[in-house]
C-alpha atoms as a PDB file:
ATOM      1  CA  MET A   1      65.551  43.782  24.447  1.00  0.00           C
ATOM      2  CA  LEU A   2      64.241  41.745  21.356  1.00  0.00           C
ATOM      3  CA  ARG A   3      60.506  41.746  20.684  1.00  0.00           C
ATOM      4  CA  ASP A   4      58.859  38.432  20.801  1.00  0.00           C
ATOM      5  CA  ASP A   5      55.235  38.761  19.486  1.00  0.00           C
ATOM      6  CA  SER A   6      54.327  35.204  20.107  1.00  0.00           C
ATOM      7  CA  GLU A   7      55.310  35.584  23.748  1.00  0.00           C
ATOM      8  CA  ALA A   8      53.371  38.777  23.845  1.00  0.00           C
ATOM      9  CA  ALA A   9      50.365  36.946  22.621  1.00  0.00           C
ATOM     10  CA  ARG A  10      50.758  34.389  25.240  1.00  0.00           C
ATOM     11  CA  TRP A  11      50.585  36.958  27.939  1.00  0.00           C
ATOM     12  CA  TRP A  12      47.820  39.008  26.238  1.00  0.00           C
ATOM     13  CA  ARG A  13      45.727  35.800  25.957  1.00  0.00           C
ATOM     14  CA  LEU A  14      46.213  35.144  29.763  1.00  0.00           C
ATOM     15  CA  ALA A  15      45.079  38.706  30.479  1.00  0.00           C
ATOM     16  CA  GLY A  16      42.268  38.636  27.879  1.00  0.00           C
ATOM     17  CA  TYR A  17      40.675  35.572  29.413  1.00  0.00           C
ATOM     18  CA  GLN A  18      40.791  37.492  32.687  1.00  0.00           C
ATOM     19  CA  GLY A  19      38.772  40.281  31.070  1.00  0.00           C
ATOM     20  CA  HIS A  20      41.466  42.849  30.429  1.00  0.00           C
ATOM     21  CA  LEU A  21      40.286  45.259  27.747  1.00  0.00           C
ATOM     22  CA  ASN A  22      43.572  46.167  26.167  1.00  0.00           C
ATOM     23  CA  ALA A  23      44.617  42.645  26.132  1.00  0.00           C
ATOM     24  CA  GLN A  24      41.575  41.687  24.288  1.00  0.00           C
ATOM     25  CA  PHE A  25      41.929  44.469  21.746  1.00  0.00           C
ATOM     26  CA  ASN A  26      45.552  43.710  21.286  1.00  0.00           C
ATOM     27  CA  LEU A  27      44.890  40.079  20.635  1.00  0.00           C
ATOM     28  CA  GLY A  28      42.371  41.141  18.070  1.00  0.00           C
ATOM     29  CA  VAL A  29      44.988  43.096  16.339  1.00  0.00           C
ATOM     30  CA  MET A  30      47.693  40.387  16.477  1.00  0.00           C
ATOM     31  CA  TYR A  31      45.232  37.837  15.013  1.00  0.00           C
ATOM     32  CA  GLU A  32      44.059  40.171  12.394  1.00  0.00           C
ATOM     33  CA  HIS A  33      47.614  40.922  11.223  1.00  0.00           C
ATOM     34  CA  GLY A  34      49.247  37.742  11.993  1.00  0.00           C
ATOM     35  CA  GLN A  35      51.642  39.156  14.512  1.00  0.00           C
ATOM     36  CA  GLY A  36      53.060  36.358  16.794  1.00  0.00           C
ATOM     37  CA  VAL A  37      50.146  34.092  15.851  1.00  0.00           C
ATOM     38  CA  THR A  38      48.711  32.670  12.781  1.00  0.00           C
ATOM     39  CA  SER A  39      46.368  35.205  10.969  1.00  0.00           C
ATOM     40  CA  ASP A  40      42.807  34.313  11.754  1.00  0.00           C
ATOM     41  CA  ASP A  41      39.944  36.679  11.158  1.00  0.00           C
ATOM     42  CA  ILE A  42      37.592  34.533  13.263  1.00  0.00           C
ATOM     43  CA  GLU A  43      39.825  34.521  16.328  1.00  0.00           C
ATOM     44  CA  ALA A  44      40.345  38.427  15.607  1.00  0.00           C
ATOM     45  CA  ALA A  45      36.690  38.950  15.628  1.00  0.00           C
ATOM     46  CA  LYS A  46      36.329  37.041  18.793  1.00  0.00           C
ATOM     47  CA  TRP A  47      38.697  39.212  20.715  1.00  0.00           C
ATOM     48  CA  TYR A  48      37.505  42.250  19.180  1.00  0.00           C
ATOM     49  CA  ARG A  49      33.971  41.357  20.216  1.00  0.00           C
ATOM     50  CA  LEU A  50      35.091  40.749  23.726  1.00  0.00           C
ATOM     51  CA  ALA A  51      36.730  44.277  23.895  1.00  0.00           C
ATOM     52  CA  ALA A  52      33.791  45.894  22.077  1.00  0.00           C
ATOM     53  CA  GLY A  53      31.502  44.354  24.703  1.00  0.00           C
ATOM     54  CA  GLN A  54      33.372  46.427  27.300  1.00  0.00           C
ATOM     55  CA  GLY A  55      32.486  49.582  25.238  1.00  0.00           C
ATOM     56  CA  ASP A  56      36.014  49.993  23.330  1.00  0.00           C
ATOM     57  CA  LEU A  57      35.171  52.011  20.336  1.00  0.00           C
ATOM     58  CA  ASP A  58      38.221  50.969  18.341  1.00  0.00           C
ATOM     59  CA  ALA A  59      37.490  47.336  18.980  1.00  0.00           C
ATOM     60  CA  MET A  60      33.911  47.963  17.691  1.00  0.00           C
ATOM     61  CA  ARG A  61      35.317  49.675  14.401  1.00  0.00           C
ATOM     62  CA  ASN A  62      37.812  46.863  14.001  1.00  0.00           C
ATOM     63  CA  LEU A  63      35.328  44.296  14.517  1.00  0.00           C
ATOM     64  CA  ALA A  64      33.021  45.784  11.857  1.00  0.00           C
ATOM     65  CA  ILE A  65      35.988  45.891   9.559  1.00  0.00           C
ATOM     66  CA  VAL A  66      36.869  42.230  10.080  1.00  0.00           C
ATOM     67  CA  ILE A  67      33.301  41.130   9.598  1.00  0.00           C
ATOM     68  CA  ASP A  68      33.067  43.206   6.431  1.00  0.00           C
ATOM     69  CA  GLU A  69      36.130  41.933   4.887  1.00  0.00           C
ATOM     70  CA  ARG A  70      35.326  38.156   5.774  1.00  0.00           C
ATOM     71  CA  GLU A  71      31.782  38.912   4.016  1.00  0.00           C
ATOM     72  CA  ASN A  72      33.504  40.161   0.972  1.00  0.00           C
ATOM     73  CA  GLN A  73      35.925  37.309   0.815  1.00  0.00           C
ATOM     74  CA  LEU A  74      32.960  34.827   0.988  1.00  0.00           C
ATOM     75  CA  LYS A  75      31.074  36.881  -1.627  1.00  0.00           C
ATOM     76  CA  ASN A  76      33.884  36.778  -3.923  1.00  0.00           C
ATOM     77  CA  LYS A  77      34.510  33.011  -3.364  1.00  0.00           C
ATOM     78  CA  ARG A  78      30.832  32.277  -4.142  1.00  0.00           C
ATOM     79  CA  CYS A  79      30.938  34.564  -7.360  1.00  0.00           C
ATOM     80  CA  HIS A  80      34.092  32.866  -8.379  1.00  0.00           C
ATOM     81  CA  LEU A  81      32.603  29.363  -8.064  1.00  0.00           C
ATOM     82  CA  GLY A  82      29.683  30.464 -10.060  1.00  0.00           C
ATOM     83  CA  GLY A  83      27.142  30.907  -7.122  1.00  0.00           C
ATOM     84  CA  SER A  84      24.888  33.788  -6.646  1.00  0.00           C
ATOM     85  CA  ASP A  85      24.638  36.435  -3.842  1.00  0.00           C
END
């Protein structure tokens, strides 16, 4: 059986919108790493936040990491453009 990440993302999304914790977490991972979907930190944070809201500790950790990485990217971009913190 071949693995189709985009098909998996479709099914996880359907389950995630129904409030399925594992689906929400898995979608966060898929968006964070671009597996079967276009890499998107904002979308990853959305799904991690939903799973974290249900008490998933891994989702809480991953959400913190995604937010921290996003803030660092923005900070580096501002520095590169000559802005200040």
